[in-house]
Amino acid sequence: MRNPSASVFHHSNKDSIFWLSLKQKQGIILPPKGKLDIPVLFAPQCMKLYEVVLVIKVEKMDGGKWSYDEDFELSKAPMSSTVITENEIIRGLRWIYPIHGIPEAPSYKSAPAVVCCRARSRLEERVEVLLTGVVPATSGPQTLTDSITITPSKSKSVTINDEGIPTTDEFAYEIEFESERMTSQLKSAVAINLVKKLRDLKTGILTLIFSIIFAPSKPIRNPATLVVQCVTGGIWKFPILFVATEPEVDDVINIEAAGLNKESVVKFKLTSQTRYPEPYTAYFLTGSDPEFVVSPQAGELLPLDTAGTCITVGFKPNMYSKKHKATLVIQTAAMQWMYEINGLPPQTMPPTSSAKVDCRNAYVRSATVQQRNFVRENMKLLSTGVSSTIKGAPLT
């Protein structure tokens, strides 16, 4: 059996939108079980959906027929392929591929919009997204760049007329995260709603106004992409950076020292925020004093409506001359708690009796002081003393 030959055709309303970069489009010889790569190029002129049909026809080079199983019914051939028959004889095969060309705006080059708030808090505000080249356009090709003022979301579809009144579906929008882990972290923390659409009749630029709510439960810093797609075709992508800073402390824990190099402890119980147990880790932030310890450092938090998991914080000071402080963090996959820990010196009680000072010394004995008569002693001297300039000279 000789090798079959293939012919490739495509039909489009504008040949400049789609074309095949094959040097040869007819009479292509394929070896047995051979493969044919068909590159299709797409060059849209505006932001709308384009459609084309690619047809691939295969026949035997010698004009022979194709064999097939007798149980095969030609009338039930798959819709994506066509069997060319002649008197129930297969003379060729033909595949039909509908192709949809969806233009995508160039990547946004500027810095991403930043959505930032404290963890365990809630941020709500309105943001704007600018789209260019949206069909129907009011002028020629647009050269303006797309821009974003801020944004987040989960997938929704909505249409809004020029007065801001919702009608039928016209735009679909969603937030794409870089990984499934980021998606699970922010899925319940981000909500977005398209509230208004405005078009500039002179430039054709479309402004979408969103209402966004960001309520992170733990500190994060995750990049994402806002994807907006028009029902008439065209995709716009805008970078976003979600940032949740450290939250306010949940509580302040004071631990009184039992003494130098003696450990004192404080215990409290904590539950997960779901009906199921959740693994956790407990640690101190950088800068905390080493005199504090926490145990257990890892484990499971019991579900809601239970007694909870016991957490123990110990304090063992080696001096009293400084303030001991630490920040304890207990973290699960979706939640974080933060506690400020203060180490206090032990309380001292002043004495109740009055002060008494005894200055007497019973062991000191009294002695009689005898005064010397230096004039009489000097009259009895016969010669000068050592301290005299004339040592040892007679006085008379």
Protein backbone atom coordinates (compact mmCIF):
# COMPACT_ATOMS: atom_id res chain seq x y z
CA MET A 1 0.00 0.00 0.00
CA ARG A 2 1.40 3.37 -0.99
CA ASN A 3 1.65 6.24 1.38
CA PRO A 4 -1.42 8.47 1.62
CA SER A 5 -1.31 12.15 0.75
CA ALA A 6 -2.95 14.93 2.73
CA SER A 7 -4.37 18.29 1.76
CA VAL A 8 -5.01 21.14 4.18
CA PHE A 9 -7.59 23.86 3.65
CA HIS A 10 -8.96 26.66 5.81
CA HIS A 11 -11.91 28.96 5.34
CA SER A 12 -12.19 32.39 6.97
CA ASN A 13 -14.00 35.63 6.35
CA LYS A 14 -10.62 37.46 6.36
CA ASP A 15 -7.54 35.60 5.16
CA SER A 16 -5.29 38.07 6.98
CA ILE A 17 -6.60 36.98 10.40
CA PHE A 18 -5.75 33.24 10.16
CA TRP A 19 -3.24 31.56 7.90
CA LEU A 20 -1.21 28.38 7.69
CA SER A 21 2.56 28.62 7.69
CA LEU A 22 2.97 25.38 5.71
CA LYS A 23 5.12 25.66 2.59
CA GLN A 24 2.99 22.98 0.94
CA LYS A 25 -0.75 22.69 1.55
CA GLN A 26 -1.61 19.92 -0.95
CA GLY A 27 -0.07 16.60 -1.85
CA ILE A 28 1.69 16.19 1.47
CA ILE A 29 2.98 12.60 1.69
CA LEU A 30 2.57 10.87 5.04
CA PRO A 31 4.40 7.64 5.95
CA PRO A 32 2.53 4.86 7.81
CA LYS A 33 1.60 6.10 11.31
CA GLY A 34 3.22 9.41 10.44
CA LYS A 35 2.43 12.75 12.08
CA LEU A 36 1.74 16.10 10.50
CA ASP A 37 2.22 19.37 12.43
CA ILE A 38 -0.08 22.11 11.17
CA PRO A 39 0.87 25.55 12.56
CA VAL A 40 -2.03 28.01 12.55
CA LEU A 41 -1.15 31.70 12.93
CA PHE A 42 -3.61 34.21 14.35
CA ALA A 43 -3.26 38.00 13.96
CA PRO A 44 -6.40 39.78 15.24
CA GLN A 45 -7.14 43.34 14.18
CA CYS A 46 -9.34 44.22 17.17
CA MET A 47 -10.50 42.76 20.47
CA LYS A 48 -13.27 40.46 19.27
CA LEU A 49 -13.87 36.77 18.62
CA TYR A 50 -12.76 35.37 15.24
CA GLU A 51 -13.80 31.99 13.85
CA VAL A 52 -12.31 29.79 11.16
CA VAL A 53 -12.66 26.18 9.98
CA LEU A 54 -9.61 24.01 9.29
CA VAL A 55 -10.20 21.06 6.94
CA ILE A 56 -7.74 18.19 6.50
CA LYS A 57 -8.39 15.69 3.69
CA VAL A 58 -6.47 12.42 3.28
CA GLU A 59 -6.56 10.14 0.21
CA LYS A 60 -4.46 7.23 -1.04
CA MET A 61 -1.87 8.19 -3.63
CA ASP A 62 -2.84 5.32 -5.96
CA GLY A 63 -6.51 6.17 -5.72
CA GLY A 64 -7.27 2.97 -3.81
CA LYS A 65 -9.95 2.50 -1.22
CA TRP A 66 -9.79 2.27 2.55
CA SER A 67 -10.76 -0.91 4.35
CA TYR A 68 -13.05 -0.81 7.35
CA ASP A 69 -14.92 -3.08 9.70
CA GLU A 70 -18.24 -4.23 8.30
CA ASP A 71 -19.91 -3.39 11.62
CA PHE A 72 -18.92 0.26 11.20
CA GLU A 73 -21.84 2.44 10.18
CA LEU A 74 -20.79 5.28 7.91
CA SER A 75 -23.84 7.33 8.89
CA LYS A 76 -22.67 7.38 12.54
CA ALA A 77 -19.18 8.70 11.92
CA PRO A 78 -17.96 11.26 14.50
CA MET A 79 -19.01 14.85 13.86
CA SER A 80 -15.39 16.01 13.89
CA SER A 81 -14.55 13.83 10.89
CA THR A 82 -16.16 13.02 7.53
CA VAL A 83 -15.86 9.86 5.46
CA ILE A 84 -15.76 10.47 1.70
CA THR A 85 -17.61 7.53 0.15
CA GLU A 86 -18.52 6.35 -3.31
CA ASN A 87 -20.99 3.45 -3.52
CA GLU A 88 -20.22 2.48 0.08
CA ILE A 89 -16.50 2.55 -0.68
CA ILE A 90 -14.24 4.81 1.38
CA ARG A 91 -12.20 6.92 -1.02
CA GLY A 92 -10.85 9.35 1.55
CA LEU A 93 -11.03 10.78 5.07
CA ARG A 94 -11.64 14.37 6.07
CA TRP A 95 -11.25 16.07 9.46
CA ILE A 96 -12.96 19.36 10.25
CA TYR A 97 -11.65 21.55 13.09
CA PRO A 98 -13.50 24.74 14.08
CA ILE A 99 -11.01 27.26 15.47
CA HIS A 100 -11.90 30.21 17.68
CA GLY A 101 -9.42 33.05 17.83
CA ILE A 102 -9.64 35.04 21.07
CA PRO A 103 -7.32 38.08 21.16
CA GLU A 104 -5.50 38.89 24.37
CA ALA A 105 -4.29 42.37 25.26
CA PRO A 106 -0.51 42.82 25.77
CA SER A 107 0.76 42.15 29.25
CA TYR A 108 0.49 45.06 31.67
CA LYS A 109 4.06 46.29 32.19
CA SER A 110 3.65 48.61 35.15
CA ALA A 111 3.83 47.68 38.82
CA PRO A 112 0.90 45.58 40.06
CA ALA A 113 -1.97 47.09 41.96
CA VAL A 114 -1.56 46.42 45.68
CA VAL A 115 -4.47 45.42 47.90
CA CYS A 116 -3.24 45.71 51.48
CA CYS A 117 -4.74 45.53 54.95
CA ARG A 118 -4.03 43.99 58.34
CA ALA A 119 -4.71 40.31 58.83
CA ARG A 120 -7.90 39.58 60.79
CA SER A 121 -9.42 42.84 59.47
CA ARG A 122 -11.71 43.75 56.56
CA LEU A 123 -11.07 46.14 53.65
CA GLU A 124 -13.84 47.36 51.32
CA GLU A 125 -13.43 49.89 48.52
CA ARG A 126 -14.20 50.60 44.87
CA VAL A 127 -11.59 50.15 42.16
CA GLU A 128 -11.46 50.86 38.43
CA VAL A 129 -10.15 48.84 35.48
CA LEU A 130 -9.60 50.42 32.06
CA LEU A 131 -10.10 48.31 28.90
CA THR A 132 -9.16 49.41 25.38
CA GLY A 133 -10.25 48.04 22.02
CA VAL A 134 -13.55 46.66 23.28
CA VAL A 135 -15.99 45.91 20.43
CA PRO A 136 -18.03 47.79 19.31
CA ALA A 137 -15.37 50.45 18.86
CA THR A 138 -16.22 54.04 18.00
CA SER A 139 -13.04 54.83 16.08
CA GLY A 140 -10.08 53.21 14.36
CA PRO A 141 -7.50 50.90 15.93
CA GLN A 142 -6.60 51.87 19.49
CA THR A 143 -2.99 52.39 20.53
CA LEU A 144 -3.67 53.14 24.19
CA THR A 145 -2.50 50.73 26.88
CA ASP A 146 -4.76 49.00 29.36
CA SER A 147 -4.49 50.00 33.00
CA ILE A 148 -5.75 48.98 36.42
CA THR A 149 -6.31 50.93 39.60
CA ILE A 150 -6.66 47.91 41.99
CA THR A 151 -8.57 44.57 41.95
CA PRO A 152 -9.29 40.95 43.17
CA SER A 153 -12.14 38.33 42.77
CA LYS A 154 -13.78 35.05 42.17
CA SER A 155 -15.28 34.22 38.80
CA LYS A 156 -18.49 36.03 37.96
CA SER A 157 -20.33 37.18 34.85
CA VAL A 158 -22.29 40.38 34.50
CA THR A 159 -23.43 42.88 31.93
CA ILE A 160 -23.98 46.52 32.67
CA ASN A 161 -25.30 49.09 30.25
CA ASP A 162 -23.89 52.58 29.88
CA GLU A 163 -26.14 53.84 32.65
CA GLY A 164 -24.79 51.28 35.11
CA ILE A 165 -27.93 49.07 35.11
CA PRO A 166 -27.31 45.29 34.94
CA THR A 167 -28.65 43.54 31.82
CA THR A 168 -27.52 40.27 30.19
CA ASP A 169 -24.12 38.63 30.45
CA GLU A 170 -21.41 40.65 28.69
CA PHE A 171 -18.26 40.36 30.81
CA ALA A 172 -16.75 37.46 32.74
CA TYR A 173 -14.04 38.13 35.29
CA GLU A 174 -12.01 36.07 37.72
CA ILE A 175 -8.81 36.07 39.73
CA GLU A 176 -6.11 33.60 38.73
CA PHE A 177 -3.55 32.69 41.40
CA GLU A 178 -0.12 31.23 40.82
CA SER A 179 -0.80 27.92 42.56
CA GLU A 180 -3.56 25.82 44.07
CA ARG A 181 -2.18 26.54 47.53
CA MET A 182 -2.61 30.29 47.00
CA THR A 183 -6.10 29.69 45.62
CA SER A 184 -7.13 27.78 48.74
CA GLN A 185 -5.70 30.50 51.00
CA LEU A 186 -7.45 33.42 49.29
CA LYS A 187 -10.64 31.80 48.01
CA SER A 188 -12.60 32.74 51.12
CA ALA A 189 -10.72 36.00 51.75
CA VAL A 190 -11.52 37.84 48.50
CA ALA A 191 -14.87 38.91 47.04
CA ILE A 192 -15.54 41.19 44.08
CA ASN A 193 -18.59 42.58 42.35
CA LEU A 194 -18.87 44.57 39.12
CA VAL A 195 -21.13 47.53 39.83
CA LYS A 196 -20.80 49.88 36.84
CA LYS A 197 -19.55 50.18 33.25
CA LEU A 198 -18.64 53.46 31.53
CA ARG A 199 -17.46 54.04 27.95
CA ASP A 200 -15.65 57.07 26.57
CA LEU A 201 -17.29 57.71 23.19
CA LYS A 202 -14.25 59.60 21.87
CA THR A 203 -11.51 57.08 22.71
CA GLY A 204 -13.58 53.91 22.99
CA ILE A 205 -11.98 53.12 26.36
CA LEU A 206 -14.22 51.13 28.67
CA THR A 207 -14.05 51.60 32.45
CA LEU A 208 -15.25 48.82 34.73
CA ILE A 209 -15.86 49.78 38.35
CA PHE A 210 -15.60 46.98 40.91
CA SER A 211 -16.46 46.76 44.57
CA ILE A 212 -13.86 44.66 46.34
CA ILE A 213 -13.76 43.12 49.80
CA PHE A 214 -10.52 41.73 51.22
CA ALA A 215 -10.64 39.95 54.60
CA PRO A 216 -7.46 37.88 55.14
CA SER A 217 -7.20 35.67 58.19
CA LYS A 218 -3.39 35.50 58.32
CA PRO A 219 -0.38 37.46 57.00
CA ILE A 220 0.19 36.74 53.30
CA ARG A 221 1.89 38.22 50.26
CA ASN A 222 0.51 36.60 47.12
CA PRO A 223 0.62 37.84 43.51
CA ALA A 224 -2.40 37.19 41.29
CA THR A 225 -3.90 38.17 37.93
CA LEU A 226 -7.29 39.69 37.22
CA VAL A 227 -8.67 38.24 33.98
CA VAL A 228 -11.52 40.06 32.23
CA GLN A 229 -13.14 38.52 29.14
CA CYS A 230 -15.79 40.10 26.92
CA VAL A 231 -18.53 37.91 25.44
CA THR A 232 -17.72 39.30 21.98
CA GLY A 233 -14.12 38.15 22.42
CA GLY A 234 -10.98 39.63 23.89
CA ILE A 235 -9.11 39.01 27.13
CA TRP A 236 -7.44 41.56 29.40
CA LYS A 237 -5.09 40.60 32.23
CA PHE A 238 -3.92 42.82 35.08
CA PRO A 239 -1.39 41.96 37.83
CA ILE A 240 -2.44 42.31 41.47
CA LEU A 241 -0.55 41.86 44.72
CA PHE A 242 -2.50 40.84 47.82
CA VAL A 243 -0.73 41.81 51.05
CA ALA A 244 -1.94 41.12 54.58
CA THR A 245 0.31 42.57 57.29
CA GLU A 246 0.72 41.34 60.86
CA PRO A 247 -2.55 41.57 62.83
CA GLU A 248 -3.18 43.16 66.21
CA VAL A 249 -2.33 40.87 69.11
CA ASP A 250 -5.23 38.69 70.27
CA ASP A 251 -4.30 38.91 73.95
CA VAL A 252 -1.60 39.98 76.43
CA ILE A 253 -0.23 37.28 78.76
CA ASN A 254 1.74 38.27 81.89
CA ILE A 255 3.89 35.61 83.59
CA GLU A 256 5.30 36.28 87.06
CA ALA A 257 8.72 34.80 87.73
CA ALA A 258 9.08 32.21 90.49
CA GLY A 259 12.72 33.15 91.05
CA LEU A 260 16.02 33.25 89.25
CA ASN A 261 16.56 30.13 87.10
CA LYS A 262 13.16 28.83 88.22
CA GLU A 263 10.42 28.22 85.62
CA SER A 264 6.88 29.52 85.98
CA VAL A 265 4.16 28.58 83.45
CA VAL A 266 0.83 29.85 82.13
CA LYS A 267 -1.64 27.56 80.35
CA PHE A 268 -4.55 28.36 78.02
CA LYS A 269 -6.74 26.40 75.59
CA LEU A 270 -7.37 27.03 71.90
CA THR A 271 -9.69 25.45 69.30
CA SER A 272 -9.69 25.45 65.51
CA GLN A 273 -12.18 27.62 63.65
CA THR A 274 -13.85 24.65 61.94
CA ARG A 275 -15.73 21.52 62.96
CA TYR A 276 -12.63 19.45 62.32
CA PRO A 277 -9.23 19.27 64.05
CA GLU A 278 -6.47 21.24 62.33
CA PRO A 279 -2.67 20.84 62.58
CA TYR A 280 -0.86 23.85 64.03
CA THR A 281 2.61 25.17 64.79
CA ALA A 282 3.58 27.45 67.70
CA TYR A 283 6.67 29.65 67.70
CA PHE A 284 8.06 32.99 68.89
CA LEU A 285 8.79 35.82 66.47
CA THR A 286 12.33 37.01 65.90
CA GLY A 287 13.44 39.38 68.66
CA SER A 288 11.66 37.53 71.46
CA ASP A 289 13.66 36.87 74.63
CA PRO A 290 15.06 33.32 74.93
CA GLU A 291 13.80 33.00 78.52
CA PHE A 292 10.37 31.99 77.11
CA VAL A 293 9.39 28.53 75.82
CA VAL A 294 6.16 27.13 74.38
CA SER A 295 4.94 23.56 74.30
CA PRO A 296 3.84 21.65 72.38
CA GLN A 297 5.38 23.41 69.38
CA ALA A 298 3.24 21.40 66.95
CA GLY A 299 0.11 19.30 67.14
CA GLU A 300 -3.63 19.46 66.43
CA LEU A 301 -6.17 22.02 67.56
CA LEU A 302 -9.40 20.36 68.62
CA PRO A 303 -12.60 21.37 66.74
CA LEU A 304 -15.06 24.04 67.79
CA ASP A 305 -17.44 23.24 70.65
CA THR A 306 -14.77 21.16 72.41
CA ALA A 307 -12.55 21.83 75.43
CA GLY A 308 -9.71 22.80 73.09
CA THR A 309 -6.00 22.03 72.98
CA CYS A 310 -3.86 23.11 75.96
CA ILE A 311 -0.91 25.41 75.16
CA THR A 312 1.77 26.00 77.83
CA VAL A 313 4.08 29.02 77.95
CA GLY A 314 7.07 28.90 80.34
CA PHE A 315 9.25 31.72 81.73
CA LYS A 316 12.66 31.10 83.32
CA PRO A 317 14.63 34.33 83.93
CA ASN A 318 18.31 34.50 84.78
CA MET A 319 18.26 38.18 85.83
CA TYR A 320 15.80 40.78 87.11
CA SER A 321 17.45 43.89 85.67
CA LYS A 322 15.67 43.83 82.25
CA LYS A 323 12.17 43.65 80.81
CA HIS A 324 11.40 40.27 79.30
CA LYS A 325 9.08 40.30 76.26
CA ALA A 326 8.10 37.90 73.49
CA THR A 327 5.50 37.51 70.72
CA LEU A 328 3.90 34.09 70.44
CA VAL A 329 2.37 32.96 67.13
CA ILE A 330 0.06 29.96 66.75
CA GLN A 331 -0.68 29.20 63.11
CA THR A 332 -2.82 26.78 61.10
CA ALA A 333 -3.28 26.51 57.34
CA ALA A 334 -6.03 29.16 57.32
CA MET A 335 -5.73 31.02 60.63
CA GLN A 336 -3.20 32.72 62.88
CA TRP A 337 -3.27 33.92 66.50
CA MET A 338 -0.74 36.30 68.07
CA TYR A 339 -0.07 36.89 71.78
CA GLU A 340 2.12 39.42 73.55
CA ILE A 341 4.03 37.76 76.43
CA ASN A 342 5.46 39.80 79.34
CA GLY A 343 7.81 38.35 81.96
CA LEU A 344 7.36 40.04 85.34
CA PRO A 345 9.72 39.92 88.35
CA PRO A 346 8.41 38.22 91.52
CA GLN A 347 6.40 40.32 93.92
CA THR A 348 8.17 41.21 97.19
CA MET A 349 6.48 42.08 100.52
CA PRO A 350 8.06 44.80 102.74
CA PRO A 351 8.66 43.90 106.46
CA THR A 352 5.86 44.77 108.87
CA SER A 353 8.06 45.57 111.95
CA SER A 354 9.60 49.03 112.49
CA ALA A 355 13.27 49.66 111.76
CA LYS A 356 15.69 49.58 114.76
CA VAL A 357 19.36 50.58 114.90
CA ASP A 358 21.56 49.59 117.93
CA CYS A 359 24.81 51.60 117.99
CA ARG A 360 26.17 50.34 121.34
CA ASN A 361 29.09 47.95 121.49
CA ALA A 362 29.19 45.95 124.73
CA TYR A 363 32.65 44.59 124.01
CA VAL A 364 34.46 47.98 124.17
CA ARG A 365 36.10 48.53 127.63
CA SER A 366 36.55 52.02 129.07
CA ALA A 367 40.14 53.20 129.71
CA THR A 368 41.60 56.13 131.74
CA VAL A 369 43.28 58.76 129.58
CA GLN A 370 46.46 60.24 131.09
CA GLN A 371 47.60 63.65 129.82
CA ARG A 372 51.37 64.27 129.28
CA ASN A 373 53.19 67.47 130.44
CA PHE A 374 55.50 68.09 127.54
CA VAL A 375 57.04 71.30 129.12
CA ARG A 376 58.22 69.36 132.19
CA GLU A 377 59.63 66.61 130.04
CA ASN A 378 61.55 69.08 127.87
CA MET A 379 63.12 70.75 130.97
CA LYS A 380 64.68 67.44 131.89
CA LEU A 381 66.40 67.00 128.50
CA LEU A 382 70.26 67.24 128.54
CA SER A 383 70.89 67.26 124.74
CA THR A 384 69.08 68.08 121.50
CA GLY A 385 66.93 65.45 119.80
CA VAL A 386 67.17 63.78 116.40
CA SER A 387 64.85 66.31 114.79
CA SER A 388 67.12 69.22 115.77
CA THR A 389 69.52 70.79 113.26
CA ILE A 390 72.31 70.17 115.81
CA LYS A 391 71.70 66.58 116.71
CA GLY A 392 72.96 65.42 120.14
CA ALA A 393 74.33 68.86 121.18
CA PRO A 394 74.22 69.70 124.94
CA LEU A 395 71.61 72.17 125.94
CA THR A 396 73.96 73.95 128.34
